[in-house]
Amino acid sequence: MDTESIAGFIGLGVGLLVLLGLSIFESRTYRREHNGEGMMHHWLSEHHVLDRMRRKH
């Protein structure tokens, strides 16, 4: 491996860590501001996906 490849992998790793950190921060902030409801639950309920997934007995 040459130095450019190693630098590219390091940059990729740092970018992914930043993306993961920001995602966790945004998720916690959203949950705090919306009384414990998560982003995915909000999106799924707004698009009525949860209604379709519930089994009717």
PDB file of N, CA and C in Angstrom:
ATOM      1  N   MET A   1       0.840  -1.186   0.000  1.00  0.00           N
ATOM      2  CA  MET A   1       0.000   0.000   0.000  1.00  0.00           C
ATOM      3  C   MET A   1       0.881   1.245   0.000  1.00  0.00           C
ATOM      4  N   ASP A   2       0.489   2.184  -0.800  1.00  0.00           N
ATOM      5  CA  ASP A   2       1.231   3.443  -0.804  1.00  0.00           C
ATOM      6  C   ASP A   2       0.606   4.429   0.185  1.00  0.00           C
ATOM      7  N   THR A   3       1.265   5.552   0.378  1.00  0.00           N
ATOM      8  CA  THR A   3       0.818   6.510   1.388  1.00  0.00           C
ATOM      9  C   THR A   3      -0.518   7.148   1.039  1.00  0.00           C
ATOM     10  N   GLU A   4      -0.816   7.289  -0.243  1.00  0.00           N
ATOM     11  CA  GLU A   4      -2.108   7.886  -0.633  1.00  0.00           C
ATOM     12  C   GLU A   4      -3.270   6.984  -0.244  1.00  0.00           C
ATOM     13  N   SER A   5      -3.100   5.692  -0.401  1.00  0.00           N
ATOM     14  CA  SER A   5      -4.155   4.752  -0.014  1.00  0.00           C
ATOM     15  C   SER A   5      -4.370   4.760   1.491  1.00  0.00           C
ATOM     16  N   ILE A   6      -3.278   4.778   2.242  1.00  0.00           N
ATOM     17  CA  ILE A   6      -3.387   4.802   3.696  1.00  0.00           C
ATOM     18  C   ILE A   6      -4.074   6.087   4.154  1.00  0.00           C
ATOM     19  N   ALA A   7      -3.690   7.219   3.559  1.00  0.00           N
ATOM     20  CA  ALA A   7      -4.316   8.496   3.913  1.00  0.00           C
ATOM     21  C   ALA A   7      -5.800   8.487   3.553  1.00  0.00           C
ATOM     22  N   GLY A   8      -6.159   7.872   2.444  1.00  0.00           N
ATOM     23  CA  GLY A   8      -7.564   7.770   2.054  1.00  0.00           C
ATOM     24  C   GLY A   8      -8.369   6.954   3.044  1.00  0.00           C
ATOM     25  N   PHE A   9      -7.807   5.833   3.496  1.00  0.00           N
ATOM     26  CA  PHE A   9      -8.507   5.003   4.479  1.00  0.00           C
ATOM     27  C   PHE A   9      -8.646   5.720   5.825  1.00  0.00           C
ATOM     28  N   ILE A  10      -7.613   6.458   6.214  1.00  0.00           N
ATOM     29  CA  ILE A  10      -7.695   7.213   7.463  1.00  0.00           C
ATOM     30  C   ILE A  10      -8.767   8.297   7.339  1.00  0.00           C
ATOM     31  N   GLY A  11      -8.802   8.992   6.210  1.00  0.00           N
ATOM     32  CA  GLY A  11      -9.832  10.011   5.984  1.00  0.00           C
ATOM     33  C   GLY A  11     -11.225   9.421   5.987  1.00  0.00           C
ATOM     34  N   LEU A  12     -11.369   8.267   5.373  1.00  0.00           N
ATOM     35  CA  LEU A  12     -12.661   7.585   5.364  1.00  0.00           C
ATOM     36  C   LEU A  12     -13.085   7.211   6.780  1.00  0.00           C
ATOM     37  N   GLY A  13     -12.147   6.682   7.562  1.00  0.00           N
ATOM     38  CA  GLY A  13     -12.454   6.308   8.942  1.00  0.00           C
ATOM     39  C   GLY A  13     -12.862   7.502   9.782  1.00  0.00           C
ATOM     40  N   VAL A  14     -12.137   8.603   9.637  1.00  0.00           N
ATOM     41  CA  VAL A  14     -12.463   9.813  10.401  1.00  0.00           C
ATOM     42  C   VAL A  14     -13.837  10.341   9.979  1.00  0.00           C
ATOM     43  N   GLY A  15     -14.115  10.345   8.684  1.00  0.00           N
ATOM     44  CA  GLY A  15     -15.412  10.813   8.193  1.00  0.00           C
ATOM     45  C   GLY A  15     -16.562   9.975   8.713  1.00  0.00           C
ATOM     46  N   LEU A  16     -16.383   8.664   8.739  1.00  0.00           N
ATOM     47  CA  LEU A  16     -17.431   7.783   9.253  1.00  0.00           C
ATOM     48  C   LEU A  16     -17.645   7.974  10.752  1.00  0.00           C
ATOM     49  N   LEU A  17     -16.570   8.199  11.495  1.00  0.00           N
ATOM     50  CA  LEU A  17     -16.708   8.451  12.929  1.00  0.00           C
ATOM     51  C   LEU A  17     -17.442   9.764  13.194  1.00  0.00           C
ATOM     52  N   VAL A  18     -17.148  10.793  12.417  1.00  0.00           N
ATOM     53  CA  VAL A  18     -17.847  12.069  12.568  1.00  0.00           C
ATOM     54  C   VAL A  18     -19.323  11.904  12.234  1.00  0.00           C
ATOM     55  N   LEU A  19     -19.620  11.191  11.150  1.00  0.00           N
ATOM     56  CA  LEU A  19     -21.006  10.955  10.765  1.00  0.00           C
ATOM     57  C   LEU A  19     -21.756  10.188  11.852  1.00  0.00           C
ATOM     58  N   LEU A  20     -21.141   9.181  12.412  1.00  0.00           N
ATOM     59  CA  LEU A  20     -21.764   8.400  13.481  1.00  0.00           C
ATOM     60  C   LEU A  20     -22.002   9.265  14.719  1.00  0.00           C
ATOM     61  N   GLY A  21     -21.008  10.066  15.095  1.00  0.00           N
ATOM     62  CA  GLY A  21     -21.156  10.939  16.258  1.00  0.00           C
ATOM     63  C   GLY A  21     -22.270  11.953  16.081  1.00  0.00           C
ATOM     64  N   LEU A  22     -22.347  12.569  14.908  1.00  0.00           N
ATOM     65  CA  LEU A  22     -23.412  13.535  14.658  1.00  0.00           C
ATOM     66  C   LEU A  22     -24.786  12.876  14.639  1.00  0.00           C
ATOM     67  N   SER A  23     -24.869  11.677  14.105  1.00  0.00           N
ATOM     68  CA  SER A  23     -26.144  10.958  14.074  1.00  0.00           C
ATOM     69  C   SER A  23     -26.630  10.657  15.484  1.00  0.00           C
ATOM     70  N   ILE A  24     -25.731  10.205  16.344  1.00  0.00           N
ATOM     71  CA  ILE A  24     -26.107   9.907  17.721  1.00  0.00           C
ATOM     72  C   ILE A  24     -26.537  11.185  18.436  1.00  0.00           C
ATOM     73  N   PHE A  25     -25.790  12.279  18.237  1.00  0.00           N
ATOM     74  CA  PHE A  25     -26.125  13.548  18.867  1.00  0.00           C
ATOM     75  C   PHE A  25     -27.492  14.049  18.413  1.00  0.00           C
ATOM     76  N   GLU A  26     -27.759  14.010  17.100  1.00  0.00           N
ATOM     77  CA  GLU A  26     -29.044  14.467  16.572  1.00  0.00           C
ATOM     78  C   GLU A  26     -30.193  13.598  17.082  1.00  0.00           C
ATOM     79  N   SER A  27     -29.971  12.296  17.159  1.00  0.00           N
ATOM     80  CA  SER A  27     -31.016  11.395  17.632  1.00  0.00           C
ATOM     81  C   SER A  27     -31.368  11.686  19.087  1.00  0.00           C
ATOM     82  N   ARG A  28     -30.362  11.900  19.917  1.00  0.00           N
ATOM     83  CA  ARG A  28     -30.622  12.197  21.334  1.00  0.00           C
ATOM     84  C   ARG A  28     -31.304  13.543  21.496  1.00  0.00           C
ATOM     85  N   THR A  29     -30.892  14.538  20.709  1.00  0.00           N
ATOM     86  CA  THR A  29     -31.510  15.854  20.779  1.00  0.00           C
ATOM     87  C   THR A  29     -32.970  15.788  20.356  1.00  0.00           C
ATOM     88  N   TYR A  30     -33.252  15.055  19.271  1.00  0.00           N
ATOM     89  CA  TYR A  30     -34.623  14.921  18.782  1.00  0.00           C
ATOM     90  C   TYR A  30     -35.490  14.245  19.830  1.00  0.00           C
ATOM     91  N   ARG A  31     -34.965  13.187  20.409  1.00  0.00           N
ATOM     92  CA  ARG A  31     -35.732  12.440  21.419  1.00  0.00           C
ATOM     93  C   ARG A  31     -36.026  13.307  22.631  1.00  0.00           C
ATOM     94  N   ARG A  32     -35.063  14.126  23.042  1.00  0.00           N
ATOM     95  CA  ARG A  32     -35.252  15.009  24.190  1.00  0.00           C
ATOM     96  C   ARG A  32     -36.309  16.067  23.890  1.00  0.00           C
ATOM     97  N   GLU A  33     -36.322  16.593  22.661  1.00  0.00           N
ATOM     98  CA  GLU A  33     -37.262  17.655  22.306  1.00  0.00           C
ATOM     99  C   GLU A  33     -38.661  17.143  21.999  1.00  0.00           C
ATOM    100  N   HIS A  34     -38.806  15.843  21.707  1.00  0.00           N
ATOM    101  CA  HIS A  34     -40.110  15.300  21.328  1.00  0.00           C
ATOM    102  C   HIS A  34     -40.625  14.267  22.321  1.00  0.00           C
ATOM    103  N   ASN A  35     -40.358  14.491  23.596  1.00  0.00           N
ATOM    104  CA  ASN A  35     -40.905  13.670  24.687  1.00  0.00           C
ATOM    105  C   ASN A  35     -40.622  12.185  24.546  1.00  0.00           C
ATOM    106  N   GLY A  36     -39.414  11.840  24.137  1.00  0.00           N
ATOM    107  CA  GLY A  36     -39.006  10.447  24.099  1.00  0.00           C
ATOM    108  C   GLY A  36     -39.323   9.704  22.818  1.00  0.00           C
ATOM    109  N   GLU A  37     -40.000  10.350  21.880  1.00  0.00           N
ATOM    110  CA  GLU A  37     -40.301   9.669  20.624  1.00  0.00           C
ATOM    111  C   GLU A  37     -39.097   9.772  19.699  1.00  0.00           C
ATOM    112  N   GLY A  38     -38.663   8.656  19.167  1.00  0.00           N
ATOM    113  CA  GLY A  38     -37.515   8.645  18.281  1.00  0.00           C
ATOM    114  C   GLY A  38     -37.871   9.075  16.870  1.00  0.00           C
ATOM    115  N   MET A  39     -36.840   9.411  16.087  1.00  0.00           N
ATOM    116  CA  MET A  39     -37.053   9.856  14.704  1.00  0.00           C
ATOM    117  C   MET A  39     -37.708   8.779  13.847  1.00  0.00           C
ATOM    118  N   MET A  40     -37.218   7.553  13.977  1.00  0.00           N
ATOM    119  CA  MET A  40     -37.763   6.474  13.145  1.00  0.00           C
ATOM    120  C   MET A  40     -39.220   6.199  13.494  1.00  0.00           C
ATOM    121  N   HIS A  41     -39.542   6.184  14.786  1.00  0.00           N
ATOM    122  CA  HIS A  41     -40.926   5.945  15.186  1.00  0.00           C
ATOM    123  C   HIS A  41     -41.830   7.053  14.662  1.00  0.00           C
ATOM    124  N   HIS A  42     -41.356   8.291  14.734  1.00  0.00           N
ATOM    125  CA  HIS A  42     -42.142   9.417  14.236  1.00  0.00           C
ATOM    126  C   HIS A  42     -42.379   9.287  12.737  1.00  0.00           C
ATOM    127  N   TRP A  43     -41.329   8.973  11.987  1.00  0.00           N
ATOM    128  CA  TRP A  43     -41.459   8.857  10.530  1.00  0.00           C
ATOM    129  C   TRP A  43     -42.380   7.704  10.161  1.00  0.00           C
ATOM    130  N   LEU A  44     -42.205   6.561  10.833  1.00  0.00           N
ATOM    131  CA  LEU A  44     -43.037   5.396  10.524  1.00  0.00           C
ATOM    132  C   LEU A  44     -44.502   5.651  10.858  1.00  0.00           C
ATOM    133  N   SER A  45     -44.766   6.337  11.953  1.00  0.00           N
ATOM    134  CA  SER A  45     -46.162   6.601  12.310  1.00  0.00           C
ATOM    135  C   SER A  45     -46.773   7.659  11.390  1.00  0.00           C
ATOM    136  N   GLU A  46     -45.988   8.638  10.962  1.00  0.00           N
ATOM    137  CA  GLU A  46     -46.508   9.661  10.043  1.00  0.00           C
ATOM    138  C   GLU A  46     -46.861   9.073   8.687  1.00  0.00           C
ATOM    139  N   HIS A  47     -46.139   8.059   8.247  1.00  0.00           N
ATOM    140  CA  HIS A  47     -46.398   7.440   6.948  1.00  0.00           C
ATOM    141  C   HIS A  47     -47.262   6.188   7.065  1.00  0.00           C
ATOM    142  N   HIS A  48     -47.846   5.986   8.237  1.00  0.00           N
ATOM    143  CA  HIS A  48     -48.806   4.898   8.504  1.00  0.00           C
ATOM    144  C   HIS A  48     -48.223   3.510   8.259  1.00  0.00           C
ATOM    145  N   VAL A  49     -46.934   3.381   8.410  1.00  0.00           N
ATOM    146  CA  VAL A  49     -46.299   2.075   8.252  1.00  0.00           C
ATOM    147  C   VAL A  49     -46.620   1.192   9.447  1.00  0.00           C
ATOM    148  N   LEU A  50     -46.670   1.790  10.626  1.00  0.00           N
ATOM    149  CA  LEU A  50     -46.946   1.000  11.825  1.00  0.00           C
ATOM    150  C   LEU A  50     -48.356   0.424  11.803  1.00  0.00           C
ATOM    151  N   ASP A  51     -49.298   1.150  11.213  1.00  0.00           N
ATOM    152  CA  ASP A  51     -50.665   0.637  11.120  1.00  0.00           C
ATOM    153  C   ASP A  51     -50.728  -0.611  10.250  1.00  0.00           C
ATOM    154  N   ARG A  52     -49.953  -0.613   9.185  1.00  0.00           N
ATOM    155  CA  ARG A  52     -49.955  -1.763   8.278  1.00  0.00           C
ATOM    156  C   ARG A  52     -49.241  -2.963   8.874  1.00  0.00           C
ATOM    157  N   MET A  53     -48.284  -2.694   9.775  1.00  0.00           N
ATOM    158  CA  MET A  53     -47.495  -3.793  10.345  1.00  0.00           C
ATOM    159  C   MET A  53     -48.227  -4.491  11.482  1.00  0.00           C
ATOM    160  N   ARG A  54     -49.162  -3.829  12.113  1.00  0.00           N
ATOM    161  CA  ARG A  54     -49.879  -4.435  13.240  1.00  0.00           C
ATOM    162  C   ARG A  54     -50.786  -5.548  12.738  1.00  0.00           C
ATOM    163  N   ARG A  55     -50.716  -6.660  13.425  1.00  0.00           N
ATOM    164  CA  ARG A  55     -51.572  -7.777  13.052  1.00  0.00           C
ATOM    165  C   ARG A  55     -52.937  -7.611  13.659  1.00  0.00           C
ATOM    166  N   LYS A  56     -53.934  -7.898  12.897  1.00  0.00           N
ATOM    167  CA  LYS A  56     -55.302  -7.796  13.388  1.00  0.00           C
ATOM    168  C   LYS A  56     -55.803  -9.195  13.733  1.00  0.00           C
ATOM    169  N   HIS A  57     -56.205  -9.360  14.977  1.00  0.00           N
ATOM    170  CA  HIS A  57     -56.657 -10.687  15.433  1.00  0.00           C
ATOM    171  C   HIS A  57     -58.145 -10.762  15.393  1.00  0.00           C
TER     172      HIS A  57
END
